[in-house]
Amino acid sequence: MALAVLAYLVHRDRGRLKGAVLAAVLGGASRDEIAALTRAFVASTRTRRLRASALAAIERHRVAGDRLVLLSASPDLYVPALGAELGFAEVICTEVRWQGSRLDGHLVSDNRRGEEKARVVTALLQRYPGPSAAYGNAASDLLHLALVARPLLVNGDATARAKASALGIPTADWP
């Protein structure tokens, strides 16, 4: 881990750091072990970690007939299962490498953050033209939020909120 942190300090590559941490913490775990952790995490997230306002926003989009796409920088170890649980039509997230039935943990896709997330949103807008909405919670999300018709920065820190305001991106606090 120390080498991964040092490499991050030199290269500032969050994807490389993410892969190194996943490899150090979960590397070698079997698909069955990861699946069990995923089931427990998704159940816990659904019942205790998701904000009521987020669930209400998802439901509003569903009722309106919007195509629900979950785009996350988090790894595909659990994001697809969470997206399925919440009824998303499509899930795009950071992909991790497996060696057969054992988790390697290093990334096989770009880290779906910042410029990469904006690239994915641009591709989605080409595939699904028309009105679009997107949510984010960090300054790195402002790149993709600036691309859609209805952006919203949710629970951003002071820096993210100030940058959003300068870009004309609305903000909200969801308890």
C-alpha atoms as a PDB file:
ATOM      1  CA  MET A   1       0.000   0.000   0.000  1.00  0.00           C
ATOM      2  CA  ALA A   2       2.809   2.415   0.782  1.00  0.00           C
ATOM      3  CA  LEU A   3       4.159   2.070  -2.772  1.00  0.00           C
ATOM      4  CA  ALA A   4       0.686   2.683  -4.190  1.00  0.00           C
ATOM      5  CA  VAL A   5       0.334   5.878  -2.170  1.00  0.00           C
ATOM      6  CA  LEU A   6       3.798   7.038  -3.228  1.00  0.00           C
ATOM      7  CA  ALA A   7       2.952   6.319  -6.865  1.00  0.00           C
ATOM      8  CA  TYR A   8      -0.226   8.363  -6.459  1.00  0.00           C
ATOM      9  CA  LEU A   9       1.726  11.287  -5.029  1.00  0.00           C
ATOM     10  CA  VAL A  10       3.969  11.207  -8.106  1.00  0.00           C
ATOM     11  CA  HIS A  11       1.426  10.456 -10.866  1.00  0.00           C
ATOM     12  CA  ARG A  12      -1.870  11.681  -9.334  1.00  0.00           C
ATOM     13  CA  ASP A  13      -3.594   8.753 -11.029  1.00  0.00           C
ATOM     14  CA  ARG A  14      -6.645   7.847  -8.931  1.00  0.00           C
ATOM     15  CA  GLY A  15      -7.409   4.838 -11.135  1.00  0.00           C
ATOM     16  CA  ARG A  16      -3.984   3.368 -10.518  1.00  0.00           C
ATOM     17  CA  LEU A  17      -4.396   3.961  -6.789  1.00  0.00           C
ATOM     18  CA  LYS A  18      -7.899   2.454  -6.805  1.00  0.00           C
ATOM     19  CA  GLY A  19      -6.643  -0.686  -8.545  1.00  0.00           C
ATOM     20  CA  ALA A  20      -3.724  -1.017  -6.159  1.00  0.00           C
ATOM     21  CA  VAL A  21      -5.972  -0.677  -3.099  1.00  0.00           C
ATOM     22  CA  LEU A  22      -8.493  -3.188  -4.472  1.00  0.00           C
ATOM     23  CA  ALA A  23      -5.676  -5.613  -5.266  1.00  0.00           C
ATOM     24  CA  ALA A  24      -4.168  -5.208  -1.793  1.00  0.00           C
ATOM     25  CA  VAL A  25      -7.465  -5.526   0.093  1.00  0.00           C
ATOM     26  CA  LEU A  26      -9.452  -7.996  -2.017  1.00  0.00           C
ATOM     27  CA  GLY A  27      -6.922  -9.465  -4.418  1.00  0.00           C
ATOM     28  CA  GLY A  28      -7.154 -13.243  -4.574  1.00  0.00           C
ATOM     29  CA  ALA A  29     -10.760 -13.370  -3.389  1.00  0.00           C
ATOM     30  CA  SER A  30     -12.958 -15.789  -5.298  1.00  0.00           C
ATOM     31  CA  ARG A  31     -15.993 -14.783  -7.345  1.00  0.00           C
ATOM     32  CA  ASP A  32     -18.186 -16.500  -4.751  1.00  0.00           C
ATOM     33  CA  GLU A  33     -16.588 -14.550  -1.910  1.00  0.00           C
ATOM     34  CA  ILE A  34     -17.030 -11.252  -3.780  1.00  0.00           C
ATOM     35  CA  ALA A  35     -20.638 -12.178  -4.647  1.00  0.00           C
ATOM     36  CA  ALA A  36     -21.412 -12.779  -0.952  1.00  0.00           C
ATOM     37  CA  LEU A  37     -19.855  -9.432  -0.001  1.00  0.00           C
ATOM     38  CA  THR A  38     -21.808  -7.756  -2.796  1.00  0.00           C
ATOM     39  CA  ARG A  39     -25.134  -9.207  -1.665  1.00  0.00           C
ATOM     40  CA  ALA A  40     -24.537  -8.002   1.895  1.00  0.00           C
ATOM     41  CA  PHE A  41     -23.390  -4.568   0.738  1.00  0.00           C
ATOM     42  CA  VAL A  42     -26.335  -4.037  -1.630  1.00  0.00           C
ATOM     43  CA  ALA A  43     -28.846  -5.114   1.024  1.00  0.00           C
ATOM     44  CA  SER A  44     -27.256  -2.761   3.560  1.00  0.00           C
ATOM     45  CA  THR A  45     -27.084   0.072   1.062  1.00  0.00           C
ATOM     46  CA  ARG A  46     -30.703  -0.279   0.025  1.00  0.00           C
ATOM     47  CA  THR A  47     -32.012  -0.280   3.592  1.00  0.00           C
ATOM     48  CA  ARG A  48     -29.605   2.041   5.422  1.00  0.00           C
ATOM     49  CA  ARG A  49     -27.365   4.054   3.133  1.00  0.00           C
ATOM     50  CA  LEU A  50     -29.500   5.444   0.318  1.00  0.00           C
ATOM     51  CA  ARG A  51     -31.085   8.787   0.946  1.00  0.00           C
ATOM     52  CA  ALA A  52     -34.855   9.017   0.615  1.00  0.00           C
ATOM     53  CA  SER A  53     -34.406  11.992  -1.733  1.00  0.00           C
ATOM     54  CA  ALA A  54     -32.228   9.891  -4.040  1.00  0.00           C
ATOM     55  CA  LEU A  55     -34.784   7.098  -4.143  1.00  0.00           C
ATOM     56  CA  ALA A  56     -37.541   9.648  -4.811  1.00  0.00           C
ATOM     57  CA  ALA A  57     -35.545  11.174  -7.691  1.00  0.00           C
ATOM     58  CA  ILE A  58     -35.014   7.729  -9.221  1.00  0.00           C
ATOM     59  CA  GLU A  59     -38.728   7.024  -8.946  1.00  0.00           C
ATOM     60  CA  ARG A  60     -39.657  10.377 -10.524  1.00  0.00           C
ATOM     61  CA  HIS A  61     -37.424   9.557 -13.494  1.00  0.00           C
ATOM     62  CA  ARG A  62     -38.857   6.044 -13.749  1.00  0.00           C
ATOM     63  CA  VAL A  63     -42.465   7.346 -13.714  1.00  0.00           C
ATOM     64  CA  ALA A  64     -41.554   9.954 -16.354  1.00  0.00           C
ATOM     65  CA  GLY A  65     -40.320   7.134 -18.596  1.00  0.00           C
ATOM     66  CA  ASP A  66     -36.696   8.291 -18.500  1.00  0.00           C
ATOM     67  CA  ARG A  67     -33.949   5.807 -19.339  1.00  0.00           C
ATOM     68  CA  LEU A  68     -32.100   5.192 -16.076  1.00  0.00           C
ATOM     69  CA  VAL A  69     -28.336   4.826 -16.419  1.00  0.00           C
ATOM     70  CA  LEU A  70     -26.172   4.471 -13.336  1.00  0.00           C
ATOM     71  CA  LEU A  71     -22.702   5.875 -14.040  1.00  0.00           C
ATOM     72  CA  SER A  72     -20.214   5.514 -11.229  1.00  0.00           C
ATOM     73  CA  ALA A  73     -16.491   5.639 -10.637  1.00  0.00           C
ATOM     74  CA  SER A  74     -16.979   2.832  -8.124  1.00  0.00           C
ATOM     75  CA  PRO A  75     -15.917  -0.681  -9.169  1.00  0.00           C
ATOM     76  CA  ASP A  76     -18.012  -3.284 -10.922  1.00  0.00           C
ATOM     77  CA  LEU A  77     -17.683  -5.521  -7.878  1.00  0.00           C
ATOM     78  CA  TYR A  78     -21.005  -4.161  -6.579  1.00  0.00           C
ATOM     79  CA  VAL A  79     -22.291  -1.296  -8.759  1.00  0.00           C
ATOM     80  CA  PRO A  80     -24.089  -3.554 -11.300  1.00  0.00           C
ATOM     81  CA  ALA A  81     -25.891  -5.376  -8.468  1.00  0.00           C
ATOM     82  CA  LEU A  82     -26.898  -2.072  -6.887  1.00  0.00           C
ATOM     83  CA  GLY A  83     -28.092  -0.765 -10.257  1.00  0.00           C
ATOM     84  CA  ALA A  84     -30.180  -3.904 -10.790  1.00  0.00           C
ATOM     85  CA  GLU A  85     -31.651  -3.605  -7.289  1.00  0.00           C
ATOM     86  CA  LEU A  86     -32.677  -0.022  -8.038  1.00  0.00           C
ATOM     87  CA  GLY A  87     -34.077  -0.823 -11.486  1.00  0.00           C
ATOM     88  CA  PHE A  88     -31.533   0.934 -13.677  1.00  0.00           C
ATOM     89  CA  ALA A  89     -31.653  -0.060 -17.345  1.00  0.00           C
ATOM     90  CA  GLU A  90     -27.890   0.268 -17.752  1.00  0.00           C
ATOM     91  CA  VAL A  91     -24.873   0.430 -15.468  1.00  0.00           C
ATOM     92  CA  ILE A  92     -21.483   1.850 -16.416  1.00  0.00           C
ATOM     93  CA  CYS A  93     -18.733   1.808 -13.827  1.00  0.00           C
ATOM     94  CA  THR A  94     -15.047   1.195 -13.312  1.00  0.00           C
ATOM     95  CA  GLU A  95     -14.146  -2.354 -14.310  1.00  0.00           C
ATOM     96  CA  VAL A  96     -11.718  -4.533 -12.388  1.00  0.00           C
ATOM     97  CA  ARG A  97      -9.574  -7.419 -13.593  1.00  0.00           C
ATOM     98  CA  TRP A  98     -10.023 -11.072 -12.717  1.00  0.00           C
ATOM     99  CA  GLN A  99      -7.550 -13.896 -13.169  1.00  0.00           C
ATOM    100  CA  GLY A 100      -9.887 -16.800 -13.790  1.00  0.00           C
ATOM    101  CA  SER A 101     -12.083 -17.108 -10.726  1.00  0.00           C
ATOM    102  CA  ARG A 102      -9.850 -14.924  -8.526  1.00  0.00           C
ATOM    103  CA  LEU A 103      -9.965 -11.155  -8.249  1.00  0.00           C
ATOM    104  CA  ASP A 104      -6.826  -9.386  -9.409  1.00  0.00           C
ATOM    105  CA  GLY A 105      -8.276  -5.990  -8.517  1.00  0.00           C
ATOM    106  CA  HIS A 106      -6.371  -3.806 -10.940  1.00  0.00           C
ATOM    107  CA  LEU A 107      -8.480  -1.849 -13.391  1.00  0.00           C
ATOM    108  CA  VAL A 108      -9.263  -2.973 -16.932  1.00  0.00           C
ATOM    109  CA  SER A 109     -11.227   0.170 -17.802  1.00  0.00           C
ATOM    110  CA  ASP A 110     -10.419   3.776 -17.242  1.00  0.00           C
ATOM    111  CA  ASN A 111     -11.475   5.030 -13.842  1.00  0.00           C
ATOM    112  CA  ARG A 112     -14.969   6.399 -14.568  1.00  0.00           C
ATOM    113  CA  ARG A 113     -14.275   9.770 -12.961  1.00  0.00           C
ATOM    114  CA  GLY A 114     -13.790  13.341 -14.154  1.00  0.00           C
ATOM    115  CA  GLU A 115     -12.921  13.504 -17.846  1.00  0.00           C
ATOM    116  CA  GLU A 116     -13.679   9.808 -18.355  1.00  0.00           C
ATOM    117  CA  LYS A 117     -17.155  10.227 -16.877  1.00  0.00           C
ATOM    118  CA  ALA A 118     -17.713  13.225 -19.187  1.00  0.00           C
ATOM    119  CA  ARG A 119     -16.620  11.095 -22.156  1.00  0.00           C
ATOM    120  CA  VAL A 120     -19.127   8.400 -21.183  1.00  0.00           C
ATOM    121  CA  VAL A 121     -21.922  10.971 -20.784  1.00  0.00           C
ATOM    122  CA  THR A 122     -21.105  12.408 -24.218  1.00  0.00           C
ATOM    123  CA  ALA A 123     -21.448   8.918 -25.716  1.00  0.00           C
ATOM    124  CA  LEU A 124     -24.722   8.360 -23.833  1.00  0.00           C
ATOM    125  CA  LEU A 125     -26.113  11.648 -25.135  1.00  0.00           C
ATOM    126  CA  GLN A 126     -25.331  10.515 -28.668  1.00  0.00           C
ATOM    127  CA  ARG A 127     -27.062   7.158 -28.101  1.00  0.00           C
ATOM    128  CA  TYR A 128     -30.053   8.682 -26.306  1.00  0.00           C
ATOM    129  CA  PRO A 129     -30.683  12.165 -27.717  1.00  0.00           C
ATOM    130  CA  GLY A 130     -33.205  14.412 -26.076  1.00  0.00           C
ATOM    131  CA  PRO A 131     -33.597  15.948 -22.639  1.00  0.00           C
ATOM    132  CA  SER A 132     -31.142  14.600 -20.128  1.00  0.00           C
ATOM    133  CA  ALA A 133     -30.540  14.831 -16.414  1.00  0.00           C
ATOM    134  CA  ALA A 134     -27.514  13.909 -14.359  1.00  0.00           C
ATOM    135  CA  TYR A 135     -26.496  14.011 -10.746  1.00  0.00           C
ATOM    136  CA  GLY A 136     -23.113  14.257  -9.070  1.00  0.00           C
ATOM    137  CA  ASN A 137     -21.659  14.943  -5.662  1.00  0.00           C
ATOM    138  CA  ALA A 138     -18.101  16.136  -6.243  1.00  0.00           C
ATOM    139  CA  ALA A 139     -16.171  18.795  -8.110  1.00  0.00           C
ATOM    140  CA  SER A 140     -14.927  16.091 -10.495  1.00  0.00           C
ATOM    141  CA  ASP A 141     -18.576  15.521 -11.509  1.00  0.00           C
ATOM    142  CA  LEU A 142     -18.984  19.070 -12.809  1.00  0.00           C
ATOM    143  CA  LEU A 143     -17.443  18.063 -16.141  1.00  0.00           C
ATOM    144  CA  HIS A 144     -20.276  15.677 -16.941  1.00  0.00           C
ATOM    145  CA  LEU A 145     -22.951  17.761 -15.247  1.00  0.00           C
ATOM    146  CA  ALA A 146     -22.135  20.657 -17.595  1.00  0.00           C
ATOM    147  CA  LEU A 147     -23.072  18.439 -20.557  1.00  0.00           C
ATOM    148  CA  VAL A 148     -26.707  17.717 -19.664  1.00  0.00           C
ATOM    149  CA  ALA A 149     -29.914  19.745 -19.777  1.00  0.00           C
ATOM    150  CA  ARG A 150     -30.816  19.183 -16.110  1.00  0.00           C
ATOM    151  CA  PRO A 151     -27.722  18.853 -13.919  1.00  0.00           C
ATOM    152  CA  LEU A 152     -27.767  18.724 -10.135  1.00  0.00           C
ATOM    153  CA  LEU A 153     -24.861  18.663  -7.709  1.00  0.00           C
ATOM    154  CA  VAL A 154     -26.081  16.922  -4.561  1.00  0.00           C
ATOM    155  CA  ASN A 155     -24.424  17.251  -1.151  1.00  0.00           C
ATOM    156  CA  GLY A 156     -21.241  18.682  -2.644  1.00  0.00           C
ATOM    157  CA  ASP A 157     -18.582  20.168  -0.432  1.00  0.00           C
ATOM    158  CA  ALA A 158     -18.024  23.939  -0.330  1.00  0.00           C
ATOM    159  CA  THR A 159     -15.486  23.889  -3.160  1.00  0.00           C
ATOM    160  CA  ALA A 160     -17.734  21.833  -5.445  1.00  0.00           C
ATOM    161  CA  ARG A 161     -20.713  24.058  -4.664  1.00  0.00           C
ATOM    162  CA  ALA A 162     -18.768  27.234  -5.450  1.00  0.00           C
ATOM    163  CA  LYS A 163     -17.538  25.789  -8.753  1.00  0.00           C
ATOM    164  CA  ALA A 164     -21.058  24.588  -9.604  1.00  0.00           C
ATOM    165  CA  SER A 165     -22.454  28.033  -8.904  1.00  0.00           C
ATOM    166  CA  ALA A 166     -19.863  29.627 -11.190  1.00  0.00           C
ATOM    167  CA  LEU A 167     -20.941  27.210 -13.959  1.00  0.00           C
ATOM    168  CA  GLY A 168     -24.656  27.792 -13.356  1.00  0.00           C
ATOM    169  CA  ILE A 169     -25.163  24.219 -12.128  1.00  0.00           C
ATOM    170  CA  PRO A 170     -27.849  23.960  -9.433  1.00  0.00           C
ATOM    171  CA  THR A 171     -27.023  22.394  -6.084  1.00  0.00           C
ATOM    172  CA  ALA A 172     -29.095  20.660  -3.436  1.00  0.00           C
ATOM    173  CA  ASP A 173     -28.687  19.122  -0.024  1.00  0.00           C
ATOM    174  CA  TRP A 174     -30.420  15.795   0.408  1.00  0.00           C
ATOM    175  CA  PRO A 175     -30.749  14.736   4.042  1.00  0.00           C
END
